[in-house]
């Protein structure tokens, strides 16, 4: 499954998503192969 990152401007509490990640936190960084 390919990862498709998106940049969203708006209220993140209204998004229908499974997870929201703060990419500024290096411990949450995942490298896709």
C-alpha atoms as a PDB file:
ATOM      1  CA  UNK A   1       0.000   0.000   0.000  1.00  0.00           C
ATOM      2  CA  UNK A   2       1.474   3.331  -1.052  1.00  0.00           C
ATOM      3  CA  UNK A   3       1.596   6.207   1.412  1.00  0.00           C
ATOM      4  CA  UNK A   4       0.010   9.411   0.121  1.00  0.00           C
ATOM      5  CA  UNK A   5       0.752  12.312   2.466  1.00  0.00           C
ATOM      6  CA  UNK A   6      -1.537  15.347   2.441  1.00  0.00           C
ATOM      7  CA  UNK A   7      -1.278  18.834   3.887  1.00  0.00           C
ATOM      8  CA  UNK A   8      -4.591  20.001   5.346  1.00  0.00           C
ATOM      9  CA  UNK A   9      -5.443  23.552   6.361  1.00  0.00           C
ATOM     10  CA  UNK A  10      -8.445  23.595   8.669  1.00  0.00           C
ATOM     11  CA  UNK A  11      -9.982  21.995  11.739  1.00  0.00           C
ATOM     12  CA  UNK A  12      -8.314  18.584  12.200  1.00  0.00           C
ATOM     13  CA  UNK A  13     -11.039  17.483  14.627  1.00  0.00           C
ATOM     14  CA  UNK A  14     -13.530  17.277  11.734  1.00  0.00           C
ATOM     15  CA  UNK A  15     -11.416  14.952   9.550  1.00  0.00           C
ATOM     16  CA  UNK A  16     -12.587  11.363   8.958  1.00  0.00           C
ATOM     17  CA  UNK A  17      -9.177   9.712   9.461  1.00  0.00           C
ATOM     18  CA  UNK A  18      -7.671   6.859  11.473  1.00  0.00           C
ATOM     19  CA  UNK A  19      -4.703   8.805  12.821  1.00  0.00           C
ATOM     20  CA  UNK A  20      -3.195  12.288  12.901  1.00  0.00           C
ATOM     21  CA  UNK A  21       0.596  12.421  13.299  1.00  0.00           C
ATOM     22  CA  UNK A  22       2.769  15.354  14.305  1.00  0.00           C
ATOM     23  CA  UNK A  23       5.699  14.950  11.904  1.00  0.00           C
ATOM     24  CA  UNK A  24       7.813  17.293  14.052  1.00  0.00           C
ATOM     25  CA  UNK A  25       8.145  14.446  16.574  1.00  0.00           C
ATOM     26  CA  UNK A  26      11.064  12.295  15.303  1.00  0.00           C
ATOM     27  CA  UNK A  27       9.926   9.237  17.269  1.00  0.00           C
ATOM     28  CA  UNK A  28       6.795   9.088  15.076  1.00  0.00           C
ATOM     29  CA  UNK A  29       8.699   9.284  11.779  1.00  0.00           C
ATOM     30  CA  UNK A  30       8.185   6.172   9.643  1.00  0.00           C
ATOM     31  CA  UNK A  31      10.176   5.504   6.500  1.00  0.00           C
ATOM     32  CA  UNK A  32       8.139   3.717   3.829  1.00  0.00           C
ATOM     33  CA  UNK A  33       9.934   1.285   1.562  1.00  0.00           C
END
